[in-house]
Amino acid sequence: MVFEINPKRQRYLPPETELDERFILTGGPGGQHVNRTETGVQLKFDPGASDLLSAEVQQRLVKLAGSRADSQGVITIEARSHRSQHRNRIEARERLAELIERAHQRPRKRIPTKPSRTAKKKRLEAKRQHAQVKRKRAKPRLDE
């Protein structure tokens, strides 16, 4: 069975020369076999050293990566959910390609808006009703 990366994301995948791949031990199902074989994949990619990404995309990529990026901006993706090393390699590349694809999309600029007059009215009316309900729950006071 051959597993291939999604063709739509293939174009976002950096060349193999820019990727650093290590194999690691993983837990989970597999019995004793899992303690002896390195099926997990640790994929490292340095967007700053890549010629394919613009500076703007590099910044967005590191920001999107969050805790997966270290202080130098190197992104580390670990895939260890499958029992097969090959499937974990494909998954790690898929996740990296998805991250790069999301970094290529410019975020929409937020246009600040103000609540309408009707919305303000509704909000104040809801507050008045809530206050009235609370007043009705209170113990009656003896006014003298």
C-alpha atoms as a PDB file:
ATOM      1  CA  MET A   1       0.000   0.000   0.000  1.00  0.00           C
ATOM      2  CA  VAL A   2       1.524   3.325  -1.090  1.00  0.00           C
ATOM      3  CA  PHE A   3       0.574   6.540   0.720  1.00  0.00           C
ATOM      4  CA  GLU A   4       1.005   9.795  -1.121  1.00  0.00           C
ATOM      5  CA  ILE A   5       0.747  13.378   0.029  1.00  0.00           C
ATOM      6  CA  ASN A   6      -2.370  15.288  -1.017  1.00  0.00           C
ATOM      7  CA  PRO A   7      -1.702  16.657  -4.548  1.00  0.00           C
ATOM      8  CA  LYS A   8      -3.267  20.020  -3.627  1.00  0.00           C
ATOM      9  CA  ARG A   9      -0.728  20.517  -0.843  1.00  0.00           C
ATOM     10  CA  GLN A  10       2.212  19.010  -2.742  1.00  0.00           C
ATOM     11  CA  ARG A  11       3.085  22.403  -4.221  1.00  0.00           C
ATOM     12  CA  TYR A  12       3.500  23.915  -0.744  1.00  0.00           C
ATOM     13  CA  LEU A  13       5.963  21.247   0.374  1.00  0.00           C
ATOM     14  CA  PRO A  14       9.578  22.492   0.437  1.00  0.00           C
ATOM     15  CA  PRO A  15      12.248  20.403  -1.337  1.00  0.00           C
ATOM     16  CA  GLU A  16      13.786  17.496   0.607  1.00  0.00           C
ATOM     17  CA  THR A  17      17.095  19.403   0.860  1.00  0.00           C
ATOM     18  CA  GLU A  18      15.435  21.988   3.129  1.00  0.00           C
ATOM     19  CA  LEU A  19      13.948  19.369   5.470  1.00  0.00           C
ATOM     20  CA  ASP A  20      15.760  17.671   8.340  1.00  0.00           C
ATOM     21  CA  GLU A  21      14.226  14.349   9.308  1.00  0.00           C
ATOM     22  CA  ARG A  22      14.896  12.166  12.361  1.00  0.00           C
ATOM     23  CA  PHE A  23      13.223   8.976  13.469  1.00  0.00           C
ATOM     24  CA  ILE A  24      12.209   8.578  17.098  1.00  0.00           C
ATOM     25  CA  LEU A  25      10.755   5.902  19.357  1.00  0.00           C
ATOM     26  CA  THR A  26       7.019   6.141  19.924  1.00  0.00           C
ATOM     27  CA  GLY A  27       4.556   4.716  22.406  1.00  0.00           C
ATOM     28  CA  GLY A  28       1.122   3.311  21.773  1.00  0.00           C
ATOM     29  CA  PRO A  29      -0.057   0.033  20.250  1.00  0.00           C
ATOM     30  CA  GLY A  30       2.440  -2.452  18.887  1.00  0.00           C
ATOM     31  CA  GLY A  31       3.596  -4.415  21.890  1.00  0.00           C
ATOM     32  CA  GLN A  32       7.308  -4.981  22.307  1.00  0.00           C
ATOM     33  CA  HIS A  33       7.877  -4.037  18.662  1.00  0.00           C
ATOM     34  CA  VAL A  34       7.113  -0.408  19.490  1.00  0.00           C
ATOM     35  CA  ASN A  35       9.962  -0.310  22.034  1.00  0.00           C
ATOM     36  CA  ARG A  36      12.517  -1.476  19.467  1.00  0.00           C
ATOM     37  CA  THR A  37      11.699   0.412  16.287  1.00  0.00           C
ATOM     38  CA  GLU A  38      11.863   4.107  15.543  1.00  0.00           C
ATOM     39  CA  THR A  39       8.596   4.650  13.703  1.00  0.00           C
ATOM     40  CA  GLY A  40       7.948   8.223  14.811  1.00  0.00           C
ATOM     41  CA  VAL A  41       9.156  11.075  12.615  1.00  0.00           C
ATOM     42  CA  GLN A  42      10.545  14.427  13.736  1.00  0.00           C
ATOM     43  CA  LEU A  43      10.578  16.828  10.782  1.00  0.00           C
ATOM     44  CA  LYS A  44      12.443  20.140  11.053  1.00  0.00           C
ATOM     45  CA  PHE A  45      12.110  23.043   8.641  1.00  0.00           C
ATOM     46  CA  ASP A  46      13.818  26.442   8.809  1.00  0.00           C
ATOM     47  CA  PRO A  47      11.632  28.979   6.971  1.00  0.00           C
ATOM     48  CA  GLY A  48      14.334  31.652   7.298  1.00  0.00           C
ATOM     49  CA  ALA A  49      16.743  29.591   5.201  1.00  0.00           C
ATOM     50  CA  SER A  50      14.166  28.775   2.531  1.00  0.00           C
ATOM     51  CA  ASP A  51      14.382  30.520  -0.836  1.00  0.00           C
ATOM     52  CA  LEU A  52      10.788  29.656  -1.726  1.00  0.00           C
ATOM     53  CA  LEU A  53       9.054  31.749   0.956  1.00  0.00           C
ATOM     54  CA  SER A  54       8.784  35.532   1.062  1.00  0.00           C
ATOM     55  CA  ALA A  55       9.629  37.342   4.306  1.00  0.00           C
ATOM     56  CA  GLU A  56       5.926  38.025   4.904  1.00  0.00           C
ATOM     57  CA  VAL A  57       5.002  34.330   4.542  1.00  0.00           C
ATOM     58  CA  GLN A  58       7.950  33.318   6.754  1.00  0.00           C
ATOM     59  CA  GLN A  59       6.697  35.560   9.566  1.00  0.00           C
ATOM     60  CA  ARG A  60       3.144  34.257   9.273  1.00  0.00           C
ATOM     61  CA  LEU A  61       4.425  30.667   9.184  1.00  0.00           C
ATOM     62  CA  VAL A  62       6.415  31.032  12.418  1.00  0.00           C
ATOM     63  CA  LYS A  63       3.447  32.741  14.080  1.00  0.00           C
ATOM     64  CA  LEU A  64       1.062  29.982  12.946  1.00  0.00           C
ATOM     65  CA  ALA A  65       3.482  27.298  14.125  1.00  0.00           C
ATOM     66  CA  GLY A  66       3.288  28.666  17.665  1.00  0.00           C
ATOM     67  CA  SER A  67       5.035  26.366  20.140  1.00  0.00           C
ATOM     68  CA  ARG A  68       6.258  24.135  17.299  1.00  0.00           C
ATOM     69  CA  ALA A  69       8.751  26.880  16.384  1.00  0.00           C
ATOM     70  CA  ASP A  70      11.835  27.398  18.533  1.00  0.00           C
ATOM     71  CA  SER A  71      13.568  30.711  19.344  1.00  0.00           C
ATOM     72  CA  GLN A  72      15.496  30.614  16.028  1.00  0.00           C
ATOM     73  CA  GLY A  73      12.273  30.091  14.075  1.00  0.00           C
ATOM     74  CA  VAL A  74      12.927  26.442  13.180  1.00  0.00           C
ATOM     75  CA  ILE A  75       9.643  24.537  12.994  1.00  0.00           C
ATOM     76  CA  THR A  76       9.545  20.980  14.382  1.00  0.00           C
ATOM     77  CA  ILE A  77       6.673  18.666  13.524  1.00  0.00           C
ATOM     78  CA  GLU A  78       6.363  15.257  15.155  1.00  0.00           C
ATOM     79  CA  ALA A  79       4.217  12.487  13.686  1.00  0.00           C
ATOM     80  CA  ARG A  80       3.845   9.355  15.773  1.00  0.00           C
ATOM     81  CA  SER A  81       0.226   8.291  15.427  1.00  0.00           C
ATOM     82  CA  HIS A  82       0.788   5.471  12.917  1.00  0.00           C
ATOM     83  CA  ARG A  83       2.606   2.181  13.408  1.00  0.00           C
ATOM     84  CA  SER A  84       4.381   2.562  10.074  1.00  0.00           C
ATOM     85  CA  GLN A  85       7.376   4.852   9.643  1.00  0.00           C
ATOM     86  CA  HIS A  86       6.322   5.553   6.067  1.00  0.00           C
ATOM     87  CA  ARG A  87       2.824   6.689   7.082  1.00  0.00           C
ATOM     88  CA  ASN A  88       4.283   8.929   9.806  1.00  0.00           C
ATOM     89  CA  ARG A  89       6.644  10.498   7.233  1.00  0.00           C
ATOM     90  CA  ILE A  90       3.695  11.248   4.946  1.00  0.00           C
ATOM     91  CA  GLU A  91       1.648  12.682   7.829  1.00  0.00           C
ATOM     92  CA  ALA A  92       4.495  14.973   8.959  1.00  0.00           C
ATOM     93  CA  ARG A  93       4.923  16.324   5.423  1.00  0.00           C
ATOM     94  CA  GLU A  94       1.148  16.777   5.063  1.00  0.00           C
ATOM     95  CA  ARG A  95       1.001  18.797   8.268  1.00  0.00           C
ATOM     96  CA  LEU A  96       3.964  20.962   7.229  1.00  0.00           C
ATOM     97  CA  ALA A  97       2.437  21.575   3.785  1.00  0.00           C
ATOM     98  CA  GLU A  98      -0.893  22.497   5.414  1.00  0.00           C
ATOM     99  CA  LEU A  99       0.873  24.972   7.704  1.00  0.00           C
ATOM    100  CA  ILE A 100       2.716  26.565   4.767  1.00  0.00           C
ATOM    101  CA  GLU A 101      -0.532  26.698   2.767  1.00  0.00           C
ATOM    102  CA  ARG A 102      -2.256  28.551   5.625  1.00  0.00           C
ATOM    103  CA  ALA A 103       0.706  30.957   5.880  1.00  0.00           C
ATOM    104  CA  HIS A 104       0.322  31.859   2.192  1.00  0.00           C
ATOM    105  CA  GLN A 105      -3.236  33.082   2.801  1.00  0.00           C
ATOM    106  CA  ARG A 106      -3.305  36.726   3.808  1.00  0.00           C
ATOM    107  CA  PRO A 107      -5.532  37.395   6.817  1.00  0.00           C
ATOM    108  CA  ARG A 108      -8.479  39.645   6.096  1.00  0.00           C
ATOM    109  CA  LYS A 109      -8.168  43.118   7.520  1.00  0.00           C
ATOM    110  CA  ARG A 110     -10.740  43.729  10.233  1.00  0.00           C
ATOM    111  CA  ILE A 111     -12.994  46.693   9.659  1.00  0.00           C
ATOM    112  CA  PRO A 112     -13.982  48.097  13.063  1.00  0.00           C
ATOM    113  CA  THR A 113     -17.707  48.643  13.431  1.00  0.00           C
ATOM    114  CA  LYS A 114     -19.938  50.215  16.052  1.00  0.00           C
ATOM    115  CA  PRO A 115     -23.176  48.753  17.393  1.00  0.00           C
ATOM    116  CA  SER A 116     -26.296  50.183  15.745  1.00  0.00           C
ATOM    117  CA  ARG A 117     -28.792  52.359  17.606  1.00  0.00           C
ATOM    118  CA  THR A 118     -31.276  49.436  17.677  1.00  0.00           C
ATOM    119  CA  ALA A 119     -28.637  47.080  19.091  1.00  0.00           C
ATOM    120  CA  LYS A 120     -27.835  49.572  21.864  1.00  0.00           C
ATOM    121  CA  LYS A 121     -31.552  49.926  22.643  1.00  0.00           C
ATOM    122  CA  LYS A 122     -32.041  46.148  22.832  1.00  0.00           C
ATOM    123  CA  ARG A 123     -29.019  45.774  25.110  1.00  0.00           C
ATOM    124  CA  LEU A 124     -30.254  48.446  27.535  1.00  0.00           C
ATOM    125  CA  GLU A 125     -33.773  46.988  27.542  1.00  0.00           C
ATOM    126  CA  ALA A 126     -32.386  43.508  28.322  1.00  0.00           C
ATOM    127  CA  LYS A 127     -30.359  45.009  31.188  1.00  0.00           C
ATOM    128  CA  ARG A 128     -33.475  46.716  32.582  1.00  0.00           C
ATOM    129  CA  GLN A 129     -35.466  43.488  32.429  1.00  0.00           C
ATOM    130  CA  HIS A 130     -32.685  41.532  34.125  1.00  0.00           C
ATOM    131  CA  ALA A 131     -32.451  44.141  36.900  1.00  0.00           C
ATOM    132  CA  GLN A 132     -36.227  43.986  37.379  1.00  0.00           C
ATOM    133  CA  VAL A 133     -36.136  40.172  37.700  1.00  0.00           C
ATOM    134  CA  LYS A 134     -33.407  40.475  40.341  1.00  0.00           C
ATOM    135  CA  ARG A 135     -35.378  43.144  42.229  1.00  0.00           C
ATOM    136  CA  LYS A 136     -38.414  40.854  42.337  1.00  0.00           C
ATOM    137  CA  ARG A 137     -36.295  38.057  43.834  1.00  0.00           C
ATOM    138  CA  ALA A 138     -35.064  40.229  46.705  1.00  0.00           C
ATOM    139  CA  LYS A 139     -36.702  40.138  50.146  1.00  0.00           C
ATOM    140  CA  PRO A 140     -39.289  42.888  50.597  1.00  0.00           C
ATOM    141  CA  ARG A 141     -37.973  45.878  52.548  1.00  0.00           C
ATOM    142  CA  LEU A 142     -39.879  47.636  55.307  1.00  0.00           C
ATOM    143  CA  ASP A 143     -39.858  51.283  54.296  1.00  0.00           C
ATOM    144  CA  GLU A 144     -40.314  53.637  57.195  1.00  0.00           C
END
